[in-house]
Amino acid sequence: MATRWRVGPAASATHLFDAKASGALRLNVKLERCRAVPATFETGMTLEWSDHAYRFHMAAALADRTAEAARPRRRAG
């Protein structure tokens, strides 16, 4: 089955020990075309490089909260 993927850079994770240093490499990956998957199915993900395992894994949404902290919060009411 033929697929088409779009791969691009993502903001790096925060470094565990030095806030000024860049963290792990991250890539945004999105499935552009696949006949077996409906077009409405969301297929994007962020992958993060692991120096310990020497492979990519899915970046944990709760592990890096810098994007969440920068987002303005809505007030109820």
PDB file of N, CA and C in Angstrom:
ATOM      1  N   MET A   1       0.841  -1.169   0.000  1.00  0.00           N
ATOM      2  CA  MET A   1       0.000   0.000   0.000  1.00  0.00           C
ATOM      3  C   MET A   1       0.898   1.248   0.000  1.00  0.00           C
ATOM      4  N   ALA A   2       0.658   2.132  -0.941  1.00  0.00           N
ATOM      5  CA  ALA A   2       1.443   3.353  -1.052  1.00  0.00           C
ATOM      6  C   ALA A   2       0.874   4.434  -0.128  1.00  0.00           C
ATOM      7  N   THR A   3       1.763   5.131   0.541  1.00  0.00           N
ATOM      8  CA  THR A   3       1.366   6.234   1.421  1.00  0.00           C
ATOM      9  C   THR A   3       2.230   7.443   1.111  1.00  0.00           C
ATOM     10  N   ARG A   4       1.756   8.615   1.499  1.00  0.00           N
ATOM     11  CA  ARG A   4       2.524   9.852   1.359  1.00  0.00           C
ATOM     12  C   ARG A   4       2.571  10.530   2.727  1.00  0.00           C
ATOM     13  N   TRP A   5       3.782  10.798   3.197  1.00  0.00           N
ATOM     14  CA  TRP A   5       3.981  11.404   4.508  1.00  0.00           C
ATOM     15  C   TRP A   5       4.614  12.782   4.345  1.00  0.00           C
ATOM     16  N   ARG A   6       4.246  13.711   5.208  1.00  0.00           N
ATOM     17  CA  ARG A   6       4.886  15.024   5.267  1.00  0.00           C
ATOM     18  C   ARG A   6       5.658  15.095   6.589  1.00  0.00           C
ATOM     19  N   VAL A   7       6.959  15.307   6.489  1.00  0.00           N
ATOM     20  CA  VAL A   7       7.835  15.366   7.661  1.00  0.00           C
ATOM     21  C   VAL A   7       8.456  16.746   7.723  1.00  0.00           C
ATOM     22  N   GLY A   8       8.388  17.379   8.899  1.00  0.00           N
ATOM     23  CA  GLY A   8       8.952  18.709   9.072  1.00  0.00           C
ATOM     24  C   GLY A   8       9.470  18.908  10.479  1.00  0.00           C
ATOM     25  N   PRO A   9      10.190  19.982  10.700  1.00  0.00           N
ATOM     26  CA  PRO A   9      10.760  20.234  12.020  1.00  0.00           C
ATOM     27  C   PRO A   9       9.695  20.654  13.030  1.00  0.00           C
ATOM     28  N   ALA A  10       9.948  20.371  14.282  1.00  0.00           N
ATOM     29  CA  ALA A  10       9.103  20.805  15.393  1.00  0.00           C
ATOM     30  C   ALA A  10      10.014  21.443  16.439  1.00  0.00           C
ATOM     31  N   ALA A  11       9.440  22.223  17.326  1.00  0.00           N
ATOM     32  CA  ALA A  11      10.233  22.838  18.401  1.00  0.00           C
ATOM     33  C   ALA A  11      10.834  21.738  19.270  1.00  0.00           C
ATOM     34  N   SER A  12      12.096  21.898  19.618  1.00  0.00           N
ATOM     35  CA  SER A  12      12.758  20.872  20.414  1.00  0.00           C
ATOM     36  C   SER A  12      12.209  20.866  21.834  1.00  0.00           C
ATOM     37  N   ALA A  13      12.380  19.746  22.476  1.00  0.00           N
ATOM     38  CA  ALA A  13      11.954  19.607  23.867  1.00  0.00           C
ATOM     39  C   ALA A  13      12.870  20.449  24.761  1.00  0.00           C
ATOM     40  N   THR A  14      12.417  20.737  25.948  1.00  0.00           N
ATOM     41  CA  THR A  14      13.282  21.457  26.892  1.00  0.00           C
ATOM     42  C   THR A  14      14.333  20.497  27.428  1.00  0.00           C
ATOM     43  N   HIS A  15      15.521  21.016  27.667  1.00  0.00           N
ATOM     44  CA  HIS A  15      16.609  20.212  28.196  1.00  0.00           C
ATOM     45  C   HIS A  15      16.351  19.935  29.667  1.00  0.00           C
ATOM     46  N   LEU A  16      16.663  18.736  30.118  1.00  0.00           N
ATOM     47  CA  LEU A  16      16.371  18.369  31.499  1.00  0.00           C
ATOM     48  C   LEU A  16      17.193  19.144  32.524  1.00  0.00           C
ATOM     49  N   PHE A  17      18.435  19.490  32.188  1.00  0.00           N
ATOM     50  CA  PHE A  17      19.323  20.086  33.180  1.00  0.00           C
ATOM     51  C   PHE A  17      19.692  21.534  32.901  1.00  0.00           C
ATOM     52  N   ASP A  18      19.500  22.013  31.682  1.00  0.00           N
ATOM     53  CA  ASP A  18      19.875  23.375  31.324  1.00  0.00           C
ATOM     54  C   ASP A  18      18.770  23.995  30.480  1.00  0.00           C
ATOM     55  N   ALA A  19      18.083  24.984  31.035  1.00  0.00           N
ATOM     56  CA  ALA A  19      16.953  25.610  30.340  1.00  0.00           C
ATOM     57  C   ALA A  19      17.382  26.361  29.078  1.00  0.00           C
ATOM     58  N   LYS A  20      18.646  26.775  28.998  1.00  0.00           N
ATOM     59  CA  LYS A  20      19.131  27.509  27.825  1.00  0.00           C
ATOM     60  C   LYS A  20      19.550  26.589  26.679  1.00  0.00           C
ATOM     61  N   ALA A  21      19.788  25.329  26.973  1.00  0.00           N
ATOM     62  CA  ALA A  21      20.230  24.374  25.949  1.00  0.00           C
ATOM     63  C   ALA A  21      19.030  23.766  25.239  1.00  0.00           C
ATOM     64  N   SER A  22      19.241  23.380  23.990  1.00  0.00           N
ATOM     65  CA  SER A  22      18.151  22.722  23.263  1.00  0.00           C
ATOM     66  C   SER A  22      18.031  21.284  23.742  1.00  0.00           C
ATOM     67  N   GLY A  23      16.837  20.776  23.682  1.00  0.00           N
ATOM     68  CA  GLY A  23      16.577  19.414  24.130  1.00  0.00           C
ATOM     69  C   GLY A  23      16.586  18.439  22.974  1.00  0.00           C
ATOM     70  N   ALA A  24      15.788  17.410  23.100  1.00  0.00           N
ATOM     71  CA  ALA A  24      15.742  16.345  22.096  1.00  0.00           C
ATOM     72  C   ALA A  24      15.155  16.859  20.782  1.00  0.00           C
ATOM     73  N   LEU A  25      15.647  16.322  19.678  1.00  0.00           N
ATOM     74  CA  LEU A  25      15.155  16.639  18.347  1.00  0.00           C
ATOM     75  C   LEU A  25      13.725  16.152  18.209  1.00  0.00           C
ATOM     76  N   ARG A  26      12.857  16.992  17.646  1.00  0.00           N
ATOM     77  CA  ARG A  26      11.466  16.614  17.405  1.00  0.00           C
ATOM     78  C   ARG A  26      11.095  16.868  15.952  1.00  0.00           C
ATOM     79  N   LEU A  27      10.239  16.002  15.427  1.00  0.00           N
ATOM     80  CA  LEU A  27       9.736  16.128  14.063  1.00  0.00           C
ATOM     81  C   LEU A  27       8.217  16.023  14.072  1.00  0.00           C
ATOM     82  N   ASN A  28       7.571  16.859  13.251  1.00  0.00           N
ATOM     83  CA  ASN A  28       6.141  16.724  13.008  1.00  0.00           C
ATOM     84  C   ASN A  28       5.968  15.795  11.813  1.00  0.00           C
ATOM     85  N   VAL A  29       5.148  14.781  11.971  1.00  0.00           N
ATOM     86  CA  VAL A  29       4.917  13.789  10.928  1.00  0.00           C
ATOM     87  C   VAL A  29       3.409  13.698  10.699  1.00  0.00           C
ATOM     88  N   LYS A  30       3.003  13.793   9.431  1.00  0.00           N
ATOM     89  CA  LYS A  30       1.581  13.710   9.106  1.00  0.00           C
ATOM     90  C   LYS A  30       1.382  12.838   7.880  1.00  0.00           C
ATOM     91  N   LEU A  31       0.405  11.952   7.966  1.00  0.00           N
ATOM     92  CA  LEU A  31       0.048  11.111   6.841  1.00  0.00           C
ATOM     93  C   LEU A  31      -0.786  11.936   5.872  1.00  0.00           C
ATOM     94  N   GLU A  32      -0.261  12.173   4.674  1.00  0.00           N
ATOM     95  CA  GLU A  32      -0.935  12.997   3.675  1.00  0.00           C
ATOM     96  C   GLU A  32      -1.932  12.192   2.851  1.00  0.00           C
ATOM     97  N   ARG A  33      -1.550  10.979   2.492  1.00  0.00           N
ATOM     98  CA  ARG A  33      -2.429  10.193   1.636  1.00  0.00           C
ATOM     99  C   ARG A  33      -2.256   8.706   1.899  1.00  0.00           C
ATOM    100  N   CYS A  34      -3.412   8.050   2.057  1.00  0.00           N
ATOM    101  CA  CYS A  34      -3.455   6.602   2.200  1.00  0.00           C
ATOM    102  C   CYS A  34      -4.889   6.176   1.891  1.00  0.00           C
ATOM    103  N   ARG A  35      -5.066   5.331   0.929  1.00  0.00           N
ATOM    104  CA  ARG A  35      -6.418   4.942   0.518  1.00  0.00           C
ATOM    105  C   ARG A  35      -7.155   4.152   1.591  1.00  0.00           C
ATOM    106  N   ALA A  36      -6.446   3.492   2.475  1.00  0.00           N
ATOM    107  CA  ALA A  36      -7.078   2.676   3.504  1.00  0.00           C
ATOM    108  C   ALA A  36      -7.580   3.515   4.687  1.00  0.00           C
ATOM    109  N   VAL A  37      -7.161   4.776   4.776  1.00  0.00           N
ATOM    110  CA  VAL A  37      -7.538   5.638   5.902  1.00  0.00           C
ATOM    111  C   VAL A  37      -8.470   6.731   5.402  1.00  0.00           C
ATOM    112  N   PRO A  38      -9.625   6.953   6.066  1.00  0.00           N
ATOM    113  CA  PRO A  38     -10.527   8.025   5.632  1.00  0.00           C
ATOM    114  C   PRO A  38      -9.860   9.396   5.717  1.00  0.00           C
ATOM    115  N   ALA A  39     -10.250  10.313   4.835  1.00  0.00           N
ATOM    116  CA  ALA A  39      -9.627  11.646   4.789  1.00  0.00           C
ATOM    117  C   ALA A  39      -9.889  12.447   6.059  1.00  0.00           C
ATOM    118  N   THR A  40     -10.947  12.150   6.789  1.00  0.00           N
ATOM    119  CA  THR A  40     -11.272  12.897   8.003  1.00  0.00           C
ATOM    120  C   THR A  40     -10.489  12.423   9.216  1.00  0.00           C
ATOM    121  N   PHE A  41      -9.782  11.312   9.089  1.00  0.00           N
ATOM    122  CA  PHE A  41      -9.015  10.755  10.201  1.00  0.00           C
ATOM    123  C   PHE A  41      -7.765  11.597  10.439  1.00  0.00           C
ATOM    124  N   GLU A  42      -7.566  12.089  11.657  1.00  0.00           N
ATOM    125  CA  GLU A  42      -6.392  12.901  12.003  1.00  0.00           C
ATOM    126  C   GLU A  42      -5.190  11.983  12.205  1.00  0.00           C
ATOM    127  N   THR A  43      -4.147  12.204  11.433  1.00  0.00           N
ATOM    128  CA  THR A  43      -3.007  11.295  11.460  1.00  0.00           C
ATOM    129  C   THR A  43      -1.693  11.979  11.783  1.00  0.00           C
ATOM    130  N   GLY A  44      -1.730  13.188  12.313  1.00  0.00           N
ATOM    131  CA  GLY A  44      -0.498  13.882  12.642  1.00  0.00           C
ATOM    132  C   GLY A  44       0.036  13.474  14.002  1.00  0.00           C
ATOM    133  N   MET A  45       1.353  13.523  14.152  1.00  0.00           N
ATOM    134  CA  MET A  45       1.981  13.208  15.431  1.00  0.00           C
ATOM    135  C   MET A  45       3.333  13.900  15.518  1.00  0.00           C
ATOM    136  N   THR A  46       3.840  14.013  16.709  1.00  0.00           N
ATOM    137  CA  THR A  46       5.172  14.566  16.936  1.00  0.00           C
ATOM    138  C   THR A  46       6.061  13.441  17.441  1.00  0.00           C
ATOM    139  N   LEU A  47       7.199  13.263  16.762  1.00  0.00           N
ATOM    140  CA  LEU A  47       8.161  12.237  17.156  1.00  0.00           C
ATOM    141  C   LEU A  47       9.358  12.903  17.805  1.00  0.00           C
ATOM    142  N   GLU A  48       9.932  12.224  18.797  1.00  0.00           N
ATOM    143  CA  GLU A  48      11.080  12.761  19.525  1.00  0.00           C
ATOM    144  C   GLU A  48      12.202  11.736  19.503  1.00  0.00           C
ATOM    145  N   TRP A  49      13.425  12.193  19.249  1.00  0.00           N
ATOM    146  CA  TRP A  49      14.587  11.315  19.183  1.00  0.00           C
ATOM    147  C   TRP A  49      15.058  10.967  20.580  1.00  0.00           C
ATOM    148  N   SER A  50      15.353   9.713  20.821  1.00  0.00           N
ATOM    149  CA  SER A  50      15.874   9.249  22.099  1.00  0.00           C
ATOM    150  C   SER A  50      17.348   8.897  21.934  1.00  0.00           C
ATOM    151  N   ASP A  51      18.219   9.599  22.657  1.00  0.00           N
ATOM    152  CA  ASP A  51      19.650   9.303  22.595  1.00  0.00           C
ATOM    153  C   ASP A  51      19.988   7.982  23.295  1.00  0.00           C
ATOM    154  N   HIS A  52      19.130   7.547  24.189  1.00  0.00           N
ATOM    155  CA  HIS A  52      19.387   6.306  24.921  1.00  0.00           C
ATOM    156  C   HIS A  52      19.003   5.080  24.099  1.00  0.00           C
ATOM    157  N   ALA A  53      17.864   5.144  23.390  1.00  0.00           N
ATOM    158  CA  ALA A  53      17.389   4.002  22.618  1.00  0.00           C
ATOM    159  C   ALA A  53      17.802   4.074  21.150  1.00  0.00           C
ATOM    160  N   TYR A  54      18.331   5.221  20.719  1.00  0.00           N
ATOM    161  CA  TYR A  54      18.720   5.439  19.317  1.00  0.00           C
ATOM    162  C   TYR A  54      17.552   5.200  18.357  1.00  0.00           C
ATOM    163  N   ARG A  55      16.394   5.772  18.707  1.00  0.00           N
ATOM    164  CA  ARG A  55      15.216   5.667  17.847  1.00  0.00           C
ATOM    165  C   ARG A  55      14.254   6.799  18.184  1.00  0.00           C
ATOM    166  N   PHE A  56      13.267   6.997  17.313  1.00  0.00           N
ATOM    167  CA  PHE A  56      12.218   7.973  17.562  1.00  0.00           C
ATOM    168  C   PHE A  56      11.088   7.328  18.349  1.00  0.00           C
ATOM    169  N   HIS A  57      10.425   8.129  19.174  1.00  0.00           N
ATOM    170  CA  HIS A  57       9.214   7.687  19.850  1.00  0.00           C
ATOM    171  C   HIS A  57       8.236   8.849  19.858  1.00  0.00           C
ATOM    172  N   MET A  58       6.984   8.585  20.150  1.00  0.00           N
ATOM    173  CA  MET A  58       5.990   9.657  20.189  1.00  0.00           C
ATOM    174  C   MET A  58       6.279  10.556  21.387  1.00  0.00           C
ATOM    175  N   ALA A  59       6.287  11.863  21.140  1.00  0.00           N
ATOM    176  CA  ALA A  59       6.556  12.816  22.205  1.00  0.00           C
ATOM    177  C   ALA A  59       5.370  12.862  23.152  1.00  0.00           C
ATOM    178  N   ALA A  60       5.643  12.818  24.435  1.00  0.00           N
ATOM    179  CA  ALA A  60       4.581  12.874  25.436  1.00  0.00           C
ATOM    180  C   ALA A  60       4.050  14.295  25.532  1.00  0.00           C
ATOM    181  N   ALA A  61       2.747  14.448  25.469  1.00  0.00           N
ATOM    182  CA  ALA A  61       2.126  15.768  25.519  1.00  0.00           C
ATOM    183  C   ALA A  61       2.325  16.423  26.881  1.00  0.00           C
ATOM    184  N   LEU A  62       2.363  15.650  27.951  1.00  0.00           N
ATOM    185  CA  LEU A  62       2.495  16.220  29.283  1.00  0.00           C
ATOM    186  C   LEU A  62       3.938  16.428  29.698  1.00  0.00           C
ATOM    187  N   ALA A  63       4.876  15.863  28.967  1.00  0.00           N
ATOM    188  CA  ALA A  63       6.277  15.986  29.347  1.00  0.00           C
ATOM    189  C   ALA A  63       6.817  17.382  29.108  1.00  0.00           C
ATOM    190  N   ASP A  64       6.338  18.074  28.109  1.00  0.00           N
ATOM    191  CA  ASP A  64       6.819  19.415  27.768  1.00  0.00           C
ATOM    192  C   ASP A  64       5.636  20.368  27.788  1.00  0.00           C
ATOM    193  N   ARG A  65       5.532  21.187  28.807  1.00  0.00           N
ATOM    194  CA  ARG A  65       4.382  22.079  28.964  1.00  0.00           C
ATOM    195  C   ARG A  65       4.699  23.517  28.564  1.00  0.00           C
ATOM    196  N   THR A  66       5.778  23.754  27.813  1.00  0.00           N
ATOM    197  CA  THR A  66       6.115  25.114  27.425  1.00  0.00           C
ATOM    198  C   THR A  66       5.069  25.699  26.494  1.00  0.00           C
ATOM    199  N   ALA A  67       4.541  24.912  25.580  1.00  0.00           N
ATOM    200  CA  ALA A  67       3.507  25.399  24.666  1.00  0.00           C
ATOM    201  C   ALA A  67       2.221  25.695  25.426  1.00  0.00           C
ATOM    202  N   GLU A  68       1.913  24.864  26.397  1.00  0.00           N
ATOM    203  CA  GLU A  68       0.705  25.069  27.197  1.00  0.00           C
ATOM    204  C   GLU A  68       0.822  26.324  28.049  1.00  0.00           C
ATOM    205  N   ALA A  69       2.007  26.590  28.588  1.00  0.00           N
ATOM    206  CA  ALA A  69       2.203  27.766  29.427  1.00  0.00           C
ATOM    207  C   ALA A  69       2.128  29.055  28.616  1.00  0.00           C
ATOM    208  N   ALA A  70       2.513  28.998  27.349  1.00  0.00           N
ATOM    209  CA  ALA A  70       2.498  30.189  26.497  1.00  0.00           C
ATOM    210  C   ALA A  70       1.096  30.496  25.975  1.00  0.00           C
ATOM    211  N   ARG A  71       0.204  29.526  26.008  1.00  0.00           N
ATOM    212  CA  ARG A  71      -1.149  29.707  25.496  1.00  0.00           C
ATOM    213  C   ARG A  71      -1.979  30.510  26.499  1.00  0.00           C
ATOM    214  N   PRO A  72      -2.703  31.556  26.054  1.00  0.00           N
ATOM    215  CA  PRO A  72      -3.533  32.324  26.969  1.00  0.00           C
ATOM    216  C   PRO A  72      -4.708  31.487  27.474  1.00  0.00           C
ATOM    217  N   ARG A  73      -5.030  31.661  28.735  1.00  0.00           N
ATOM    218  CA  ARG A  73      -6.123  30.897  29.330  1.00  0.00           C
ATOM    219  C   ARG A  73      -7.426  31.658  29.205  1.00  0.00           C
ATOM    220  N   ARG A  74      -8.492  30.913  28.996  1.00  0.00           N
ATOM    221  CA  ARG A  74      -9.814  31.537  28.900  1.00  0.00           C
ATOM    222  C   ARG A  74     -10.418  31.657  30.282  1.00  0.00           C
ATOM    223  N   ARG A  75     -11.122  32.746  30.477  1.00  0.00           N
ATOM    224  CA  ARG A  75     -11.803  32.954  31.743  1.00  0.00           C
ATOM    225  C   ARG A  75     -13.251  32.500  31.607  1.00  0.00           C
ATOM    226  N   ALA A  76     -13.724  31.815  32.604  1.00  0.00           N
ATOM    227  CA  ALA A  76     -15.107  31.358  32.595  1.00  0.00           C
ATOM    228  C   ALA A  76     -16.029  32.528  32.919  1.00  0.00           C
ATOM    229  N   GLY A  77     -17.159  32.573  32.257  1.00  0.00           N
ATOM    230  CA  GLY A  77     -18.135  33.597  32.626  1.00  0.00           C
ATOM    231  C   GLY A  77     -18.437  34.478  31.543  1.00  0.00           C
TER     232      GLY A  77
END
